[in-house]
Amino acid sequence: MPSPPQGHHEDLAALQAENAELRRRVELAEREIAALRADALERRAEVRSLAEAFPAAMSRHALVIGMLRDVRHHPDKRGVLSRAIRKLGRAPRKAVRLVRGRVK
């Protein structure tokens, strides 16, 4: 059986080097993903603890009054009001989307 040509060995070595580099990159990415997951879980725990610290129930009236009080004292009233109006404009579309999601 004849031995493979010299170029074959060079190609094989190049492919093995490329494979090793790709494995190294995958390992780095997996470590970064693990770190991001740990951070996300930590933030999620913080948010849950903050949510538990809020009152269990708040009347709609108290919520609206509190929001209006915050808007009245906010330094960027125009920006707050424009975001609120845009949000109200999206509300009907969101309601339709929620209804369609429940129907399916």
PDB file of N, CA and C in Angstrom:
ATOM      1  N   MET A   1       0.847  -1.168   0.000  1.00  0.00           N
ATOM      2  CA  MET A   1       0.000   0.000   0.000  1.00  0.00           C
ATOM      3  C   MET A   1       0.898   1.237   0.000  1.00  0.00           C
ATOM      4  N   PRO A   2       0.677   2.153  -0.945  1.00  0.00           N
ATOM      5  CA  PRO A   2       1.553   3.321  -1.029  1.00  0.00           C
ATOM      6  C   PRO A   2       1.272   4.297   0.101  1.00  0.00           C
ATOM      7  N   SER A   3       2.307   5.017   0.522  1.00  0.00           N
ATOM      8  CA  SER A   3       2.141   6.016   1.584  1.00  0.00           C
ATOM      9  C   SER A   3       1.456   7.255   0.998  1.00  0.00           C
ATOM     10  N   PRO A   4       0.682   7.949   1.845  1.00  0.00           N
ATOM     11  CA  PRO A   4      -0.020   9.136   1.345  1.00  0.00           C
ATOM     12  C   PRO A   4       0.977  10.234   0.995  1.00  0.00           C
ATOM     13  N   PRO A   5       0.619  11.069   0.051  1.00  0.00           N
ATOM     14  CA  PRO A   5       1.548  12.135  -0.350  1.00  0.00           C
ATOM     15  C   PRO A   5       1.816  13.115   0.792  1.00  0.00           C
ATOM     16  N   GLN A   6       2.931  13.849   0.663  1.00  0.00           N
ATOM     17  CA  GLN A   6       3.362  14.782   1.712  1.00  0.00           C
ATOM     18  C   GLN A   6       2.299  15.858   1.954  1.00  0.00           C
ATOM     19  N   GLY A   7       1.636  16.328   0.936  1.00  0.00           N
ATOM     20  CA  GLY A   7       0.606  17.360   1.073  1.00  0.00           C
ATOM     21  C   GLY A   7      -0.535  16.912   1.962  1.00  0.00           C
ATOM     22  N   HIS A   8      -0.818  15.621   1.958  1.00  0.00           N
ATOM     23  CA  HIS A   8      -1.902  15.078   2.792  1.00  0.00           C
ATOM     24  C   HIS A   8      -1.590  15.283   4.275  1.00  0.00           C
ATOM     25  N   HIS A   9      -0.339  15.041   4.666  1.00  0.00           N
ATOM     26  CA  HIS A   9       0.061  15.215   6.069  1.00  0.00           C
ATOM     27  C   HIS A   9      -0.039  16.678   6.486  1.00  0.00           C
ATOM     28  N   GLU A  10       0.337  17.567   5.583  1.00  0.00           N
ATOM     29  CA  GLU A  10       0.259  18.998   5.879  1.00  0.00           C
ATOM     30  C   GLU A  10      -1.193  19.441   6.045  1.00  0.00           C
ATOM     31  N   ASP A  11      -2.080  18.928   5.156  1.00  0.00           N
ATOM     32  CA  ASP A  11      -3.504  19.254   5.257  1.00  0.00           C
ATOM     33  C   ASP A  11      -4.086  18.743   6.567  1.00  0.00           C
ATOM     34  N   LEU A  12      -3.687  17.519   6.922  1.00  0.00           N
ATOM     35  CA  LEU A  12      -4.172  16.921   8.160  1.00  0.00           C
ATOM     36  C   LEU A  12      -3.711  17.730   9.371  1.00  0.00           C
ATOM     37  N   ALA A  13      -2.465  18.164   9.361  1.00  0.00           N
ATOM     38  CA  ALA A  13      -1.931  18.968  10.469  1.00  0.00           C
ATOM     39  C   ALA A  13      -2.651  20.311  10.554  1.00  0.00           C
ATOM     40  N   ALA A  14      -2.926  20.915   9.406  1.00  0.00           N
ATOM     41  CA  ALA A  14      -3.636  22.204   9.391  1.00  0.00           C
ATOM     42  C   ALA A  14      -5.053  22.027   9.939  1.00  0.00           C
ATOM     43  N   LEU A  15      -5.726  20.950   9.541  1.00  0.00           N
ATOM     44  CA  LEU A  15      -7.082  20.687  10.030  1.00  0.00           C
ATOM     45  C   LEU A  15      -7.089  20.414  11.540  1.00  0.00           C
ATOM     46  N   GLN A  16      -6.095  19.697  12.014  1.00  0.00           N
ATOM     47  CA  GLN A  16      -6.009  19.425  13.448  1.00  0.00           C
ATOM     48  C   GLN A  16      -5.753  20.708  14.232  1.00  0.00           C
ATOM     49  N   ALA A  17      -4.915  21.592  13.701  1.00  0.00           N
ATOM     50  CA  ALA A  17      -4.657  22.874  14.368  1.00  0.00           C
ATOM     51  C   ALA A  17      -5.920  23.725  14.389  1.00  0.00           C
ATOM     52  N   GLU A  18      -6.640  23.739  13.271  1.00  0.00           N
ATOM     53  CA  GLU A  18      -7.895  24.496  13.207  1.00  0.00           C
ATOM     54  C   GLU A  18      -8.917  23.925  14.188  1.00  0.00           C
ATOM     55  N   ASN A  19      -8.968  22.613  14.272  1.00  0.00           N
ATOM     56  CA  ASN A  19      -9.885  21.952  15.196  1.00  0.00           C
ATOM     57  C   ASN A  19      -9.551  22.317  16.642  1.00  0.00           C
ATOM     58  N   ALA A  20      -8.273  22.325  16.974  1.00  0.00           N
ATOM     59  CA  ALA A  20      -7.854  22.685  18.336  1.00  0.00           C
ATOM     60  C   ALA A  20      -8.236  24.133  18.651  1.00  0.00           C
ATOM     61  N   GLU A  21      -8.058  25.031  17.682  1.00  0.00           N
ATOM     62  CA  GLU A  21      -8.421  26.437  17.887  1.00  0.00           C
ATOM     63  C   GLU A  21      -9.933  26.582  18.076  1.00  0.00           C
ATOM     64  N   LEU A  22     -10.698  25.871  17.273  1.00  0.00           N
ATOM     65  CA  LEU A  22     -12.161  25.936  17.415  1.00  0.00           C
ATOM     66  C   LEU A  22     -12.615  25.385  18.763  1.00  0.00           C
ATOM     67  N   ARG A  23     -11.997  24.303  19.218  1.00  0.00           N
ATOM     68  CA  ARG A  23     -12.338  23.754  20.539  1.00  0.00           C
ATOM     69  C   ARG A  23     -12.018  24.756  21.645  1.00  0.00           C
ATOM     70  N   ARG A  24     -10.881  25.461  21.510  1.00  0.00           N
ATOM     71  CA  ARG A  24     -10.509  26.472  22.495  1.00  0.00           C
ATOM     72  C   ARG A  24     -11.539  27.591  22.527  1.00  0.00           C
ATOM     73  N   ARG A  25     -11.986  28.038  21.352  1.00  0.00           N
ATOM     74  CA  ARG A  25     -12.990  29.097  21.282  1.00  0.00           C
ATOM     75  C   ARG A  25     -14.320  28.652  21.899  1.00  0.00           C
ATOM     76  N   VAL A  26     -14.698  27.408  21.636  1.00  0.00           N
ATOM     77  CA  VAL A  26     -15.946  26.883  22.199  1.00  0.00           C
ATOM     78  C   VAL A  26     -15.864  26.847  23.723  1.00  0.00           C
ATOM     79  N   GLU A  27     -14.724  26.403  24.244  1.00  0.00           N
ATOM     80  CA  GLU A  27     -14.556  26.363  25.702  1.00  0.00           C
ATOM     81  C   GLU A  27     -14.635  27.765  26.304  1.00  0.00           C
ATOM     82  N   LEU A  28     -14.021  28.747  25.641  1.00  0.00           N
ATOM     83  CA  LEU A  28     -14.106  30.132  26.120  1.00  0.00           C
ATOM     84  C   LEU A  28     -15.551  30.621  26.105  1.00  0.00           C
ATOM     85  N   ALA A  29     -16.264  30.326  25.029  1.00  0.00           N
ATOM     86  CA  ALA A  29     -17.658  30.749  24.921  1.00  0.00           C
ATOM     87  C   ALA A  29     -18.517  30.081  25.994  1.00  0.00           C
ATOM     88  N   GLU A  30     -18.276  28.805  26.242  1.00  0.00           N
ATOM     89  CA  GLU A  30     -19.037  28.101  27.275  1.00  0.00           C
ATOM     90  C   GLU A  30     -18.791  28.698  28.653  1.00  0.00           C
ATOM     91  N   ARG A  31     -17.535  29.085  28.927  1.00  0.00           N
ATOM     92  CA  ARG A  31     -17.240  29.724  30.219  1.00  0.00           C
ATOM     93  C   ARG A  31     -17.946  31.070  30.338  1.00  0.00           C
ATOM     94  N   GLU A  32     -17.945  31.850  29.247  1.00  0.00           N
ATOM     95  CA  GLU A  32     -18.625  33.144  29.270  1.00  0.00           C
ATOM     96  C   GLU A  32     -20.131  32.965  29.449  1.00  0.00           C
ATOM     97  N   ILE A  33     -20.704  31.984  28.783  1.00  0.00           N
ATOM     98  CA  ILE A  33     -22.136  31.708  28.921  1.00  0.00           C
ATOM     99  C   ILE A  33     -22.458  31.314  30.354  1.00  0.00           C
ATOM    100  N   ALA A  34     -21.621  30.488  30.945  1.00  0.00           N
ATOM    101  CA  ALA A  34     -21.843  30.081  32.334  1.00  0.00           C
ATOM    102  C   ALA A  34     -21.792  31.284  33.269  1.00  0.00           C
ATOM    103  N   ALA A  35     -20.843  32.189  33.028  1.00  0.00           N
ATOM    104  CA  ALA A  35     -20.752  33.396  33.861  1.00  0.00           C
ATOM    105  C   ALA A  35     -21.985  34.272  33.672  1.00  0.00           C
ATOM    106  N   LEU A  36     -22.437  34.420  32.430  1.00  0.00           N
ATOM    107  CA  LEU A  36     -23.636  35.222  32.174  1.00  0.00           C
ATOM    108  C   LEU A  36     -24.871  34.602  32.816  1.00  0.00           C
ATOM    109  N   ARG A  37     -24.963  33.284  32.762  1.00  0.00           N
ATOM    110  CA  ARG A  37     -26.105  32.608  33.405  1.00  0.00           C
ATOM    111  C   ARG A  37     -26.094  32.843  34.907  1.00  0.00           C
ATOM    112  N   ALA A  38     -24.907  32.747  35.499  1.00  0.00           N
ATOM    113  CA  ALA A  38     -24.802  32.972  36.947  1.00  0.00           C
ATOM    114  C   ALA A  38     -25.207  34.400  37.295  1.00  0.00           C
ATOM    115  N   ASP A  39     -24.772  35.371  36.493  1.00  0.00           N
ATOM    116  CA  ASP A  39     -25.168  36.762  36.721  1.00  0.00           C
ATOM    117  C   ASP A  39     -26.672  36.933  36.574  1.00  0.00           C
ATOM    118  N   ALA A  40     -27.236  36.298  35.557  1.00  0.00           N
ATOM    119  CA  ALA A  40     -28.682  36.411  35.335  1.00  0.00           C
ATOM    120  C   ALA A  40     -29.459  35.814  36.506  1.00  0.00           C
ATOM    121  N   LEU A  41     -29.019  34.672  37.001  1.00  0.00           N
ATOM    122  CA  LEU A  41     -29.698  34.054  38.136  1.00  0.00           C
ATOM    123  C   LEU A  41     -29.586  34.931  39.380  1.00  0.00           C
ATOM    124  N   GLU A  42     -28.429  35.565  39.540  1.00  0.00           N
ATOM    125  CA  GLU A  42     -28.233  36.461  40.677  1.00  0.00           C
ATOM    126  C   GLU A  42     -29.174  37.667  40.574  1.00  0.00           C
ATOM    127  N   ARG A  43     -29.260  38.260  39.379  1.00  0.00           N
ATOM    128  CA  ARG A  43     -30.167  39.396  39.184  1.00  0.00           C
ATOM    129  C   ARG A  43     -31.617  38.978  39.376  1.00  0.00           C
ATOM    130  N   ARG A  44     -31.968  37.797  38.897  1.00  0.00           N
ATOM    131  CA  ARG A  44     -33.338  37.310  39.054  1.00  0.00           C
ATOM    132  C   ARG A  44     -33.685  37.159  40.531  1.00  0.00           C
ATOM    133  N   ALA A  45     -32.741  36.661  41.317  1.00  0.00           N
ATOM    134  CA  ALA A  45     -32.966  36.526  42.760  1.00  0.00           C
ATOM    135  C   ALA A  45     -33.136  37.905  43.398  1.00  0.00           C
ATOM    136  N   GLU A  46     -32.334  38.880  42.947  1.00  0.00           N
ATOM    137  CA  GLU A  46     -32.470  40.235  43.481  1.00  0.00           C
ATOM    138  C   GLU A  46     -33.842  40.818  43.159  1.00  0.00           C
ATOM    139  N   VAL A  47     -34.293  40.620  41.926  1.00  0.00           N
ATOM    140  CA  VAL A  47     -35.600  41.136  41.520  1.00  0.00           C
ATOM    141  C   VAL A  47     -36.707  40.467  42.326  1.00  0.00           C
ATOM    142  N   ARG A  48     -36.593  39.176  42.526  1.00  0.00           N
ATOM    143  CA  ARG A  48     -37.611  38.477  43.329  1.00  0.00           C
ATOM    144  C   ARG A  48     -37.649  39.008  44.753  1.00  0.00           C
ATOM    145  N   SER A  49     -36.475  39.256  45.334  1.00  0.00           N
ATOM    146  CA  SER A  49     -36.472  39.778  46.701  1.00  0.00           C
ATOM    147  C   SER A  49     -37.053  41.184  46.740  1.00  0.00           C
ATOM    148  N   LEU A  50     -36.792  41.986  45.714  1.00  0.00           N
ATOM    149  CA  LEU A  50     -37.394  43.316  45.651  1.00  0.00           C
ATOM    150  C   LEU A  50     -38.904  43.221  45.490  1.00  0.00           C
ATOM    151  N   ALA A  51     -39.358  42.301  44.653  1.00  0.00           N
ATOM    152  CA  ALA A  51     -40.797  42.140  44.448  1.00  0.00           C
ATOM    153  C   ALA A  51     -41.490  41.681  45.727  1.00  0.00           C
ATOM    154  N   GLU A  52     -40.820  40.837  46.493  1.00  0.00           N
ATOM    155  CA  GLU A  52     -41.409  40.385  47.754  1.00  0.00           C
ATOM    156  C   GLU A  52     -41.469  41.509  48.772  1.00  0.00           C
ATOM    157  N   ALA A  53     -40.570  42.485  48.644  1.00  0.00           N
ATOM    158  CA  ALA A  53     -40.560  43.600  49.588  1.00  0.00           C
ATOM    159  C   ALA A  53     -41.711  44.575  49.324  1.00  0.00           C
ATOM    160  N   PHE A  54     -42.236  44.589  48.090  1.00  0.00           N
ATOM    161  CA  PHE A  54     -43.359  45.468  47.787  1.00  0.00           C
ATOM    162  C   PHE A  54     -44.618  44.958  48.471  1.00  0.00           C
ATOM    163  N   PRO A  55     -45.566  45.857  48.682  1.00  0.00           N
ATOM    164  CA  PRO A  55     -46.832  45.404  49.258  1.00  0.00           C
ATOM    165  C   PRO A  55     -47.491  44.356  48.349  1.00  0.00           C
ATOM    166  N   ALA A  56     -48.177  43.442  48.960  1.00  0.00           N
ATOM    167  CA  ALA A  56     -48.789  42.347  48.198  1.00  0.00           C
ATOM    168  C   ALA A  56     -49.846  42.872  47.234  1.00  0.00           C
ATOM    169  N   ALA A  57     -50.603  43.854  47.647  1.00  0.00           N
ATOM    170  CA  ALA A  57     -51.655  44.392  46.778  1.00  0.00           C
ATOM    171  C   ALA A  57     -51.680  45.910  46.922  1.00  0.00           C
ATOM    172  N   MET A  58     -51.881  46.563  45.804  1.00  0.00           N
ATOM    173  CA  MET A  58     -51.976  48.013  45.828  1.00  0.00           C
ATOM    174  C   MET A  58     -53.200  48.389  45.000  1.00  0.00           C
ATOM    175  N   SER A  59     -54.000  49.265  45.528  1.00  0.00           N
ATOM    176  CA  SER A  59     -55.200  49.630  44.781  1.00  0.00           C
ATOM    177  C   SER A  59     -54.811  50.379  43.516  1.00  0.00           C
ATOM    178  N   ARG A  60     -55.647  50.251  42.507  1.00  0.00           N
ATOM    179  CA  ARG A  60     -55.397  50.929  41.248  1.00  0.00           C
ATOM    180  C   ARG A  60     -55.362  52.444  41.459  1.00  0.00           C
ATOM    181  N   HIS A  61     -56.243  52.918  42.318  1.00  0.00           N
ATOM    182  CA  HIS A  61     -56.307  54.355  42.611  1.00  0.00           C
ATOM    183  C   HIS A  61     -54.991  54.842  43.215  1.00  0.00           C
ATOM    184  N   ALA A  62     -54.473  54.110  44.193  1.00  0.00           N
ATOM    185  CA  ALA A  62     -53.213  54.500  44.823  1.00  0.00           C
ATOM    186  C   ALA A  62     -52.067  54.453  43.817  1.00  0.00           C
ATOM    187  N   LEU A  63     -52.084  53.476  42.928  1.00  0.00           N
ATOM    188  CA  LEU A  63     -51.043  53.365  41.904  1.00  0.00           C
ATOM    189  C   LEU A  63     -51.081  54.566  40.967  1.00  0.00           C
ATOM    190  N   VAL A  64     -52.272  54.925  40.489  1.00  0.00           N
ATOM    191  CA  VAL A  64     -52.404  56.054  39.562  1.00  0.00           C
ATOM    192  C   VAL A  64     -52.008  57.356  40.248  1.00  0.00           C
ATOM    193  N   ILE A  65     -52.461  57.555  41.478  1.00  0.00           N
ATOM    194  CA  ILE A  65     -52.116  58.775  42.215  1.00  0.00           C
ATOM    195  C   ILE A  65     -50.599  58.857  42.411  1.00  0.00           C
ATOM    196  N   GLY A  66     -49.984  57.747  42.749  1.00  0.00           N
ATOM    197  CA  GLY A  66     -48.524  57.726  42.922  1.00  0.00           C
ATOM    198  C   GLY A  66     -47.794  58.035  41.624  1.00  0.00           C
ATOM    199  N   MET A  67     -48.278  57.488  40.512  1.00  0.00           N
ATOM    200  CA  MET A  67     -47.659  57.766  39.223  1.00  0.00           C
ATOM    201  C   MET A  67     -47.798  59.239  38.857  1.00  0.00           C
ATOM    202  N   LEU A  68     -48.977  59.808  39.084  1.00  0.00           N
ATOM    203  CA  LEU A  68     -49.179  61.229  38.781  1.00  0.00           C
ATOM    204  C   LEU A  68     -48.291  62.107  39.653  1.00  0.00           C
ATOM    205  N   ARG A  69     -48.126  61.735  40.904  1.00  0.00           N
ATOM    206  CA  ARG A  69     -47.251  62.488  41.805  1.00  0.00           C
ATOM    207  C   ARG A  69     -45.805  62.427  41.301  1.00  0.00           C
ATOM    208  N   ASP A  70     -45.391  61.245  40.855  1.00  0.00           N
ATOM    209  CA  ASP A  70     -44.029  61.104  40.325  1.00  0.00           C
ATOM    210  C   ASP A  70     -43.833  61.945  39.063  1.00  0.00           C
ATOM    211  N   VAL A  71     -44.842  61.964  38.184  1.00  0.00           N
ATOM    212  CA  VAL A  71     -44.750  62.752  36.955  1.00  0.00           C
ATOM    213  C   VAL A  71     -44.679  64.227  37.287  1.00  0.00           C
ATOM    214  N   ARG A  72     -45.462  64.656  38.252  1.00  0.00           N
ATOM    215  CA  ARG A  72     -45.507  66.079  38.612  1.00  0.00           C
ATOM    216  C   ARG A  72     -44.135  66.564  39.077  1.00  0.00           C
ATOM    217  N   HIS A  73     -43.383  65.718  39.757  1.00  0.00           N
ATOM    218  CA  HIS A  73     -42.080  66.126  40.294  1.00  0.00           C
ATOM    219  C   HIS A  73     -40.898  65.683  39.426  1.00  0.00           C
ATOM    220  N   HIS A  74     -41.177  65.058  38.290  1.00  0.00           N
ATOM    221  CA  HIS A  74     -40.102  64.566  37.427  1.00  0.00           C
ATOM    222  C   HIS A  74     -39.490  65.722  36.634  1.00  0.00           C
ATOM    223  N   PRO A  75     -38.149  65.760  36.495  1.00  0.00           N
ATOM    224  CA  PRO A  75     -37.523  66.870  35.766  1.00  0.00           C
ATOM    225  C   PRO A  75     -37.795  66.849  34.254  1.00  0.00           C
ATOM    226  N   ASP A  76     -38.088  65.683  33.684  1.00  0.00           N
ATOM    227  CA  ASP A  76     -38.340  65.576  32.242  1.00  0.00           C
ATOM    228  C   ASP A  76     -39.812  65.233  32.009  1.00  0.00           C
ATOM    229  N   LYS A  77     -40.679  66.149  32.331  1.00  0.00           N
ATOM    230  CA  LYS A  77     -42.118  65.900  32.215  1.00  0.00           C
ATOM    231  C   LYS A  77     -42.520  65.601  30.778  1.00  0.00           C
ATOM    232  N   ARG A  78     -41.969  66.339  29.828  1.00  0.00           N
ATOM    233  CA  ARG A  78     -42.323  66.144  28.420  1.00  0.00           C
ATOM    234  C   ARG A  78     -41.956  64.721  27.975  1.00  0.00           C
ATOM    235  N   GLY A  79     -40.776  64.256  28.340  1.00  0.00           N
ATOM    236  CA  GLY A  79     -40.354  62.910  27.969  1.00  0.00           C
ATOM    237  C   GLY A  79     -41.224  61.838  28.595  1.00  0.00           C
ATOM    238  N   VAL A  80     -41.583  62.023  29.864  1.00  0.00           N
ATOM    239  CA  VAL A  80     -42.431  61.048  30.549  1.00  0.00           C
ATOM    240  C   VAL A  80     -43.802  60.991  29.890  1.00  0.00           C
ATOM    241  N   LEU A  81     -44.373  62.151  29.612  1.00  0.00           N
ATOM    242  CA  LEU A  81     -45.699  62.185  29.000  1.00  0.00           C
ATOM    243  C   LEU A  81     -45.682  61.610  27.592  1.00  0.00           C
ATOM    244  N   SER A  82     -44.638  61.896  26.820  1.00  0.00           N
ATOM    245  CA  SER A  82     -44.587  61.342  25.462  1.00  0.00           C
ATOM    246  C   SER A  82     -44.446  59.822  25.497  1.00  0.00           C
ATOM    247  N   ARG A  83     -43.653  59.283  26.446  1.00  0.00           N
ATOM    248  CA  ARG A  83     -43.542  57.823  26.565  1.00  0.00           C
ATOM    249  C   ARG A  83     -44.872  57.215  27.005  1.00  0.00           C
ATOM    250  N   ALA A  84     -45.578  57.896  27.902  1.00  0.00           N
ATOM    251  CA  ALA A  84     -46.873  57.390  28.362  1.00  0.00           C
ATOM    252  C   ALA A  84     -47.878  57.361  27.216  1.00  0.00           C
ATOM    253  N   ILE A  85     -47.890  58.411  26.403  1.00  0.00           N
ATOM    254  CA  ILE A  85     -48.824  58.456  25.271  1.00  0.00           C
ATOM    255  C   ILE A  85     -48.490  57.364  24.263  1.00  0.00           C
ATOM    256  N   ARG A  86     -47.192  57.159  23.986  1.00  0.00           N
ATOM    257  CA  ARG A  86     -46.811  56.087  23.062  1.00  0.00           C
ATOM    258  C   ARG A  86     -47.218  54.726  23.608  1.00  0.00           C
ATOM    259  N   LYS A  87     -47.046  54.547  24.913  1.00  0.00           N
ATOM    260  CA  LYS A  87     -47.411  53.269  25.529  1.00  0.00           C
ATOM    261  C   LYS A  87     -48.914  53.046  25.431  1.00  0.00           C
ATOM    262  N   LEU A  88     -49.688  54.104  25.680  1.00  0.00           N
ATOM    263  CA  LEU A  88     -51.139  53.986  25.552  1.00  0.00           C
ATOM    264  C   LEU A  88     -51.536  53.665  24.112  1.00  0.00           C
ATOM    265  N   GLY A  89     -50.790  54.185  23.158  1.00  0.00           N
ATOM    266  CA  GLY A  89     -51.059  53.883  21.752  1.00  0.00           C
ATOM    267  C   GLY A  89     -50.796  52.429  21.414  1.00  0.00           C
ATOM    268  N   ARG A  90     -49.856  51.798  22.121  1.00  0.00           N
ATOM    269  CA  ARG A  90     -49.561  50.382  21.873  1.00  0.00           C
ATOM    270  C   ARG A  90     -50.491  49.449  22.628  1.00  0.00           C
ATOM    271  N   ALA A  91     -51.211  49.966  23.596  1.00  0.00           N
ATOM    272  CA  ALA A  91     -52.049  49.118  24.454  1.00  0.00           C
ATOM    273  C   ALA A  91     -53.091  48.323  23.667  1.00  0.00           C
ATOM    274  N   PRO A  92     -53.821  48.921  22.718  1.00  0.00           N
ATOM    275  CA  PRO A  92     -54.805  48.109  21.985  1.00  0.00           C
ATOM    276  C   PRO A  92     -54.178  46.954  21.226  1.00  0.00           C
ATOM    277  N   ARG A  93     -53.009  47.186  20.614  1.00  0.00           N
ATOM    278  CA  ARG A  93     -52.338  46.092  19.894  1.00  0.00           C
ATOM    279  C   ARG A  93     -51.922  44.984  20.846  1.00  0.00           C
ATOM    280  N   LYS A  94     -51.435  45.367  22.019  1.00  0.00           N
ATOM    281  CA  LYS A  94     -51.022  44.364  22.988  1.00  0.00           C
ATOM    282  C   LYS A  94     -52.230  43.569  23.484  1.00  0.00           C
ATOM    283  N   ALA A  95     -53.358  44.260  23.708  1.00  0.00           N
ATOM    284  CA  ALA A  95     -54.565  43.567  24.155  1.00  0.00           C
ATOM    285  C   ALA A  95     -55.011  42.546  23.119  1.00  0.00           C
ATOM    286  N   VAL A  96     -54.989  42.936  21.846  1.00  0.00           N
ATOM    287  CA  VAL A  96     -55.372  42.003  20.775  1.00  0.00           C
ATOM    288  C   VAL A  96     -54.417  40.817  20.754  1.00  0.00           C
ATOM    289  N   ARG A  97     -53.130  41.077  20.891  1.00  0.00           N
ATOM    290  CA  ARG A  97     -52.139  39.998  20.889  1.00  0.00           C
ATOM    291  C   ARG A  97     -52.365  39.044  22.052  1.00  0.00           C
ATOM    292  N   LEU A  98     -52.679  39.582  23.240  1.00  0.00           N
ATOM    293  CA  LEU A  98     -52.932  38.736  24.407  1.00  0.00           C
ATOM    294  C   LEU A  98     -54.178  37.885  24.209  1.00  0.00           C
ATOM    295  N   VAL A  99     -55.223  38.497  23.649  1.00  0.00           N
ATOM    296  CA  VAL A  99     -56.462  37.745  23.410  1.00  0.00           C
ATOM    297  C   VAL A  99     -56.218  36.630  22.403  1.00  0.00           C
ATOM    298  N   ARG A 100     -55.496  36.949  21.337  1.00  0.00           N
ATOM    299  CA  ARG A 100     -55.197  35.916  20.334  1.00  0.00           C
ATOM    300  C   ARG A 100     -54.351  34.802  20.924  1.00  0.00           C
ATOM    301  N   GLY A 101     -53.443  35.148  21.822  1.00  0.00           N
ATOM    302  CA  GLY A 101     -52.612  34.139  22.454  1.00  0.00           C
ATOM    303  C   GLY A 101     -53.403  33.211  23.348  1.00  0.00           C
ATOM    304  N   ARG A 102     -54.423  33.729  23.998  1.00  0.00           N
ATOM    305  CA  ARG A 102     -55.258  32.892  24.871  1.00  0.00           C
ATOM    306  C   ARG A 102     -56.219  32.031  24.087  1.00  0.00           C
ATOM    307  N   VAL A 103     -56.623  32.498  22.901  1.00  0.00           N
ATOM    308  CA  VAL A 103     -57.572  31.757  22.081  1.00  0.00           C
ATOM    309  C   VAL A 103     -56.912  30.519  21.490  1.00  0.00           C
ATOM    310  N   LYS A 104     -55.636  30.633  21.151  1.00  0.00           N
ATOM    311  CA  LYS A 104     -54.925  29.499  20.513  1.00  0.00           C
ATOM    312  C   LYS A 104     -54.812  28.323  21.419  1.00  0.00           C
TER     313      LYS A 104
END
